Amino acid sequence: MPIALLAVLLGFAGLLWSADRFVGAAAATAYRAGMSRLLVGMTIVALGTSAPEMLVALMAALDGLPDLATGNALGSNIANIALVLGATALVAPIPVRFSLVRRELPLLLGATGLAGYALADGHLGRLDALLLAALLGFSLWWLFRADTPDEAFDDEIPALRLGPALGWLVVTLVLMVVSSRLLVWGASQIAAGFGVSELVIGLTLVAIGTSLPELAACLMSALRRHHDLAIGNVIGSNLFNMLAVLPIPGLLAPGAVDAAAGQRDVPVMVVLTLALGAWLLWQRRGRLGRLPGALMLLAYLGYLGLLAVDMT
């Protein structure tokens, strides 16, 4: 057990450090290509901060642990909305542009609904995975098609030339692979040692750990008043979790998933996503302030309490 815990801690540390460097190198390349803040947040930064979930899902599926991968995807979405956005709004209220509500929010709602449908029958197969991946392709096309470059934001982009940026991308990707392998092995050993399901470990320990890059990116973006990056990162990360992370176990290890995922965790994720959408629609050009932030954090604590009750 001590060795498994050390592996989890080392895995988390490696993922956090490498994901941060990966985001910086990727964002520098994207910025020089003329992309807007919001699109960088929803694609490049979101992809970088979702890379830990994607690699953990890949390693878990290859190791025959699809419930760990599924729990990581669902738990990360729940944590991104209730924990990451909640904490960010509590620290620094986030102004919301109506264009975000009109253009990006429907994609997130559609991805959440399709993922819920895929898991409703307790089976995640290759057809489900292909449908989710197809929606990912459409979402990326839609976002790039509608993007409008805005003012520069050099203060948050590392000054990297193309060669060093590509070098950092390769090095950090290798480190993320090694770190995710350590994390999956340690998490599976802890689950076996405590008699906890792999789904619950994925929903809590792994999901919170892999959501730390989103939390760090959102807090720093909000404190620097780059609000489009903050909320765009969360919406983009949740899109990637449903459309890029969740298909991985469906493609590599198709089959039955823990029934609790469809009966308990998917409804929580859907309700939180709908609540976020309803608030943004009601506010229109308002902001995500401290009151909804506090309510989100309370909802997350309630969800953790529900998991604890179900484990007893």
Protein backbone atom coordinates (compact mmCIF):
# COMPACT_ATOMS: atom_id res chain seq x y z
CA MET A 1 0.00 0.00 0.00
CA PRO A 2 2.77 2.58 0.78
CA ILE A 3 4.35 1.87 -2.61
CA ALA A 4 0.98 2.29 -4.35
CA LEU A 5 0.39 5.61 -2.57
CA LEU A 6 3.88 6.80 -3.55
CA ALA A 7 3.19 5.83 -7.17
CA VAL A 8 -0.04 7.87 -7.12
CA LEU A 9 1.71 10.91 -5.65
CA LEU A 10 4.58 10.69 -8.15
CA GLY A 11 2.09 10.20 -10.97
CA PHE A 12 0.10 13.27 -9.96
CA ALA A 13 3.26 15.38 -9.60
CA GLY A 14 4.55 14.31 -13.01
CA LEU A 15 1.19 14.93 -14.68
CA LEU A 16 0.78 18.40 -13.16
CA TRP A 17 4.29 19.55 -14.05
CA SER A 18 4.30 18.13 -17.57
CA ALA A 19 0.72 19.26 -18.37
CA ASP A 20 1.60 22.83 -17.38
CA ARG A 21 4.64 22.85 -19.71
CA PHE A 22 2.63 21.16 -22.46
CA VAL A 23 -0.08 23.85 -22.27
CA GLY A 24 2.48 26.64 -22.47
CA ALA A 25 4.24 25.23 -25.53
CA ALA A 26 0.97 24.43 -27.31
CA ALA A 27 -0.61 27.81 -26.51
CA ALA A 28 2.47 29.63 -27.86
CA THR A 29 2.13 27.83 -31.18
CA ALA A 30 -1.64 28.47 -31.35
CA TYR A 31 -1.30 32.16 -30.50
CA ARG A 32 1.19 32.70 -33.29
CA ALA A 33 -1.34 31.10 -35.63
CA GLY A 34 -3.77 33.95 -34.86
CA MET A 35 -6.29 32.14 -32.66
CA SER A 36 -8.49 34.05 -30.21
CA ARG A 37 -8.32 33.75 -26.41
CA LEU A 38 -11.60 31.86 -26.21
CA LEU A 39 -10.61 29.37 -28.91
CA VAL A 40 -7.17 28.84 -27.35
CA GLY A 41 -8.93 28.18 -24.03
CA MET A 42 -11.47 25.79 -25.53
CA THR A 43 -9.06 23.83 -27.72
CA ILE A 44 -5.31 24.11 -27.01
CA VAL A 45 -5.45 24.82 -23.26
CA ALA A 46 -8.40 22.45 -22.83
CA LEU A 47 -6.56 19.72 -24.73
CA GLY A 48 -3.44 20.25 -22.64
CA THR A 49 -5.30 20.19 -19.33
CA SER A 50 -7.34 17.17 -20.52
CA ALA A 51 -4.22 15.29 -21.60
CA PRO A 52 -3.86 13.66 -18.14
CA GLU A 53 -7.42 12.29 -18.37
CA MET A 54 -6.80 11.03 -21.90
CA LEU A 55 -3.57 9.26 -20.98
CA VAL A 56 -5.01 7.83 -17.77
CA ALA A 57 -7.99 6.51 -19.77
CA LEU A 58 -5.62 5.00 -22.34
CA MET A 59 -3.46 3.26 -19.73
CA ALA A 60 -6.49 2.09 -17.74
CA ALA A 61 -8.18 0.64 -20.84
CA LEU A 62 -4.98 -1.13 -21.91
CA ASP A 63 -4.65 -2.56 -18.39
CA GLY A 64 -8.21 -3.92 -18.50
CA LEU A 65 -9.62 -1.29 -16.11
CA PRO A 66 -12.35 0.43 -18.18
CA ASP A 67 -14.36 1.47 -15.09
CA LEU A 68 -11.38 3.50 -13.89
CA ALA A 69 -11.25 5.28 -17.25
CA THR A 70 -15.03 5.88 -17.30
CA GLY A 71 -15.02 7.14 -13.71
CA ASN A 72 -12.14 9.49 -14.51
CA ALA A 73 -14.04 11.05 -17.44
CA LEU A 74 -17.32 11.50 -15.53
CA GLY A 75 -15.65 12.55 -12.29
CA SER A 76 -13.47 15.10 -14.06
CA ASN A 77 -16.52 16.75 -15.65
CA ILE A 78 -18.30 16.90 -12.30
CA ALA A 79 -15.18 18.31 -10.65
CA ASN A 80 -14.58 20.83 -13.46
CA ILE A 81 -18.03 22.38 -13.04
CA ALA A 82 -18.63 22.09 -9.31
CA LEU A 83 -15.07 22.30 -7.96
CA VAL A 84 -12.99 24.17 -10.57
CA LEU A 85 -15.58 26.73 -11.73
CA GLY A 86 -17.01 26.99 -8.22
CA ALA A 87 -13.63 27.76 -6.64
CA THR A 88 -12.67 30.15 -9.45
CA ALA A 89 -15.95 32.10 -9.22
CA LEU A 90 -15.58 32.28 -5.44
CA VAL A 91 -12.07 33.77 -5.75
CA ALA A 92 -12.65 36.00 -8.80
CA PRO A 93 -16.17 36.36 -10.32
CA ILE A 94 -16.13 35.52 -14.04
CA PRO A 95 -17.83 37.81 -16.59
CA VAL A 96 -19.54 35.77 -19.30
CA ARG A 97 -19.97 36.87 -22.91
CA PHE A 98 -23.29 35.95 -24.50
CA SER A 99 -21.44 34.61 -27.56
CA LEU A 100 -20.14 31.85 -25.30
CA VAL A 101 -23.69 30.89 -24.33
CA ARG A 102 -24.92 31.01 -27.92
CA ARG A 103 -22.05 29.15 -29.57
CA GLU A 104 -20.18 26.85 -27.18
CA LEU A 105 -22.74 25.91 -24.53
CA PRO A 106 -24.98 23.93 -26.96
CA LEU A 107 -21.96 21.79 -27.89
CA LEU A 108 -21.35 20.96 -24.23
CA LEU A 109 -25.01 20.16 -23.64
CA GLY A 110 -25.08 17.93 -26.72
CA ALA A 111 -21.88 16.11 -25.70
CA THR A 112 -23.21 15.56 -22.16
CA GLY A 113 -26.52 14.23 -23.47
CA LEU A 114 -24.84 11.87 -25.95
CA ALA A 115 -22.47 10.56 -23.28
CA GLY A 116 -25.41 9.97 -20.94
CA TYR A 117 -27.23 8.07 -23.69
CA ALA A 118 -24.14 5.95 -24.40
CA LEU A 119 -23.89 4.88 -20.74
CA ALA A 120 -27.62 4.55 -20.04
CA ASP A 121 -27.75 0.85 -20.93
CA GLY A 122 -24.72 -0.04 -18.80
CA HIS A 123 -22.63 -0.84 -21.87
CA LEU A 124 -19.99 1.25 -23.63
CA GLY A 125 -19.26 -0.16 -27.07
CA ARG A 126 -17.35 0.82 -30.17
CA LEU A 127 -20.41 2.32 -31.85
CA ASP A 128 -20.93 4.58 -28.82
CA ALA A 129 -17.28 5.59 -28.96
CA LEU A 130 -17.45 6.35 -32.69
CA LEU A 131 -20.54 8.54 -32.22
CA LEU A 132 -18.79 10.51 -29.48
CA ALA A 133 -15.66 10.89 -31.62
CA ALA A 134 -17.77 12.07 -34.58
CA LEU A 135 -19.31 14.78 -32.41
CA LEU A 136 -15.79 15.79 -31.34
CA GLY A 137 -14.84 16.28 -34.98
CA PHE A 138 -17.94 18.39 -35.61
CA SER A 139 -17.32 20.45 -32.46
CA LEU A 140 -13.75 21.28 -33.46
CA TRP A 141 -14.88 22.23 -36.98
CA TRP A 142 -17.63 24.44 -35.56
CA LEU A 143 -15.31 26.21 -33.09
CA PHE A 144 -12.60 26.95 -35.65
CA ARG A 145 -15.17 28.02 -38.23
CA ALA A 146 -16.74 30.57 -35.88
CA ASP A 147 -13.52 31.87 -34.30
CA THR A 148 -12.65 35.57 -34.48
CA PRO A 149 -9.11 36.56 -33.42
CA ASP A 150 -9.03 39.22 -30.73
CA GLU A 151 -6.48 41.39 -29.00
CA ALA A 152 -3.03 40.05 -28.15
CA PHE A 153 -2.33 38.36 -24.83
CA ASP A 154 1.43 37.92 -24.92
CA ASP A 155 1.76 38.19 -21.13
CA GLU A 156 0.40 34.64 -20.67
CA ILE A 157 2.17 32.98 -23.62
CA PRO A 158 5.73 31.67 -23.18
CA ALA A 159 8.29 33.20 -25.53
CA LEU A 160 9.22 29.96 -27.31
CA ARG A 161 10.54 29.50 -30.82
CA LEU A 162 9.17 26.61 -32.89
CA GLY A 163 12.08 24.24 -32.22
CA PRO A 164 12.12 24.53 -28.41
CA ALA A 165 8.30 24.44 -28.33
CA LEU A 166 8.24 21.14 -30.26
CA GLY A 167 10.97 19.77 -28.00
CA TRP A 168 8.94 20.61 -24.89
CA LEU A 169 5.87 18.99 -26.43
CA VAL A 170 7.73 15.71 -26.97
CA VAL A 171 9.43 15.67 -23.55
CA THR A 172 6.27 16.55 -21.62
CA LEU A 173 4.19 14.03 -23.56
CA VAL A 174 6.64 11.24 -22.67
CA LEU A 175 6.60 12.32 -19.02
CA MET A 176 2.79 12.37 -19.00
CA VAL A 177 2.70 8.81 -20.35
CA VAL A 178 5.08 7.57 -17.63
CA SER A 179 3.25 9.52 -14.91
CA SER A 180 -0.17 8.26 -15.99
CA ARG A 181 1.13 4.67 -15.95
CA LEU A 182 2.30 5.15 -12.35
CA LEU A 183 -1.00 6.76 -11.39
CA VAL A 184 -3.18 4.01 -12.89
CA TRP A 185 -1.13 1.25 -11.28
CA GLY A 186 -1.16 2.93 -7.87
CA ALA A 187 -4.87 3.74 -8.04
CA SER A 188 -5.79 0.15 -8.97
CA GLN A 189 -3.71 -1.18 -6.07
CA ILE A 190 -5.38 1.22 -3.62
CA ALA A 191 -8.82 0.22 -4.89
CA ALA A 192 -7.99 -3.46 -4.39
CA GLY A 193 -6.47 -2.84 -0.97
CA PHE A 194 -9.46 -0.94 0.41
CA GLY A 195 -12.11 -2.95 -1.40
CA VAL A 196 -13.35 0.15 -3.27
CA SER A 197 -14.59 -0.11 -6.84
CA GLU A 198 -12.39 1.16 -9.65
CA LEU A 199 -15.25 3.43 -10.70
CA VAL A 200 -15.26 5.25 -7.34
CA ILE A 201 -11.46 5.59 -7.37
CA GLY A 202 -11.73 7.08 -10.86
CA LEU A 203 -14.54 9.43 -9.80
CA THR A 204 -12.68 10.77 -6.75
CA LEU A 205 -8.94 10.26 -6.34
CA VAL A 206 -8.04 10.14 -10.03
CA ALA A 207 -10.63 12.69 -11.20
CA ILE A 208 -9.66 15.31 -8.61
CA GLY A 209 -5.97 14.78 -9.31
CA THR A 210 -6.34 15.08 -13.08
CA SER A 211 -8.59 18.14 -12.65
CA LEU A 212 -5.85 20.06 -10.84
CA PRO A 213 -4.42 21.42 -14.14
CA GLU A 214 -7.88 22.86 -14.96
CA LEU A 215 -8.12 24.38 -11.48
CA ALA A 216 -4.68 25.98 -11.75
CA ALA A 217 -5.31 27.25 -15.30
CA CYS A 218 -8.72 28.70 -14.39
CA LEU A 219 -7.55 30.41 -11.20
CA MET A 220 -4.53 31.99 -12.90
CA SER A 221 -6.58 33.08 -15.92
CA ALA A 222 -9.30 34.62 -13.72
CA LEU A 223 -6.80 36.42 -11.47
CA ARG A 224 -5.10 37.85 -14.57
CA ARG A 225 -8.56 38.88 -15.86
CA HIS A 226 -8.36 36.59 -18.88
CA HIS A 227 -11.91 35.41 -18.22
CA ASP A 228 -12.51 33.90 -21.66
CA LEU A 229 -9.58 31.56 -21.09
CA ALA A 230 -10.93 30.53 -17.67
CA ILE A 231 -14.47 29.56 -18.61
CA GLY A 232 -13.44 28.45 -22.11
CA ASN A 233 -10.95 26.04 -20.52
CA VAL A 234 -13.65 24.37 -18.40
CA ILE A 235 -16.17 24.06 -21.23
CA GLY A 236 -13.49 22.83 -23.61
CA SER A 237 -12.10 20.35 -21.07
CA ASN A 238 -15.55 18.91 -20.46
CA LEU A 239 -16.08 18.57 -24.20
CA PHE A 240 -12.79 16.69 -24.53
CA ASN A 241 -13.61 14.49 -21.52
CA MET A 242 -16.89 13.37 -23.04
CA LEU A 243 -15.83 13.23 -26.69
CA ALA A 244 -12.14 12.26 -26.52
CA VAL A 245 -11.58 10.59 -23.12
CA LEU A 246 -14.79 8.56 -22.78
CA PRO A 247 -14.47 6.93 -26.23
CA ILE A 248 -11.07 5.45 -25.30
CA PRO A 249 -12.40 2.62 -23.11
CA GLY A 250 -15.23 2.13 -25.61
CA LEU A 251 -12.74 1.56 -28.42
CA LEU A 252 -10.05 -0.39 -26.55
CA ALA A 253 -12.09 -2.25 -23.91
CA PRO A 254 -15.74 -2.28 -25.02
CA GLY A 255 -18.22 -3.96 -22.73
CA ALA A 256 -20.25 -3.54 -19.57
CA VAL A 257 -19.57 -0.60 -17.24
CA ASP A 258 -20.40 -0.29 -13.57
CA ALA A 259 -24.17 0.28 -13.36
CA ALA A 260 -23.63 3.09 -10.84
CA ALA A 261 -22.06 5.21 -13.59
CA GLY A 262 -25.33 5.48 -15.50
CA GLN A 263 -27.63 5.48 -12.47
CA ARG A 264 -25.77 7.91 -10.18
CA ASP A 265 -22.88 9.74 -11.81
CA VAL A 266 -24.30 10.56 -15.24
CA PRO A 267 -27.45 12.20 -13.70
CA VAL A 268 -25.24 14.30 -11.40
CA MET A 269 -23.10 15.42 -14.34
CA VAL A 270 -26.18 16.22 -16.44
CA VAL A 271 -27.85 18.20 -13.66
CA LEU A 272 -24.70 20.23 -13.00
CA THR A 273 -24.25 20.96 -16.72
CA LEU A 274 -27.89 22.00 -17.11
CA ALA A 275 -27.65 24.19 -14.00
CA LEU A 276 -24.55 25.91 -15.39
CA GLY A 277 -26.28 26.41 -18.74
CA ALA A 278 -29.44 27.78 -17.10
CA TRP A 279 -27.42 30.25 -15.02
CA LEU A 280 -25.44 31.47 -18.02
CA LEU A 281 -28.61 31.84 -20.10
CA TRP A 282 -30.33 33.76 -17.32
CA GLN A 283 -27.35 36.03 -16.78
CA ARG A 284 -26.69 36.52 -20.51
CA ARG A 285 -24.05 39.26 -20.33
CA GLY A 286 -23.72 39.01 -16.58
CA ARG A 287 -21.19 37.04 -14.65
CA LEU A 288 -20.59 33.84 -12.75
CA GLY A 289 -20.28 35.31 -9.27
CA ARG A 290 -19.54 34.18 -5.75
CA LEU A 291 -23.06 32.97 -4.92
CA PRO A 292 -23.23 30.36 -7.72
CA GLY A 293 -19.58 29.56 -7.00
CA ALA A 294 -20.41 28.75 -3.38
CA LEU A 295 -23.44 26.69 -4.45
CA MET A 296 -21.27 24.71 -6.87
CA LEU A 297 -18.75 23.90 -4.14
CA LEU A 298 -21.55 22.81 -1.80
CA ALA A 299 -22.96 20.62 -4.56
CA TYR A 300 -19.56 18.96 -4.99
CA LEU A 301 -19.27 18.28 -1.28
CA GLY A 302 -22.77 16.79 -1.41
CA TYR A 303 -21.73 14.55 -4.30
CA LEU A 304 -18.69 13.31 -2.40
CA GLY A 305 -20.99 12.60 0.54
CA LEU A 306 -23.28 10.58 -1.77
CA LEU A 307 -20.30 8.50 -2.92
CA ALA A 308 -19.29 7.89 0.69
CA VAL A 309 -22.81 6.72 1.57
CA ASP A 310 -22.93 4.39 -1.43
CA MET A 311 -19.62 2.80 -0.41
CA THR A 312 -20.91 1.88 3.06
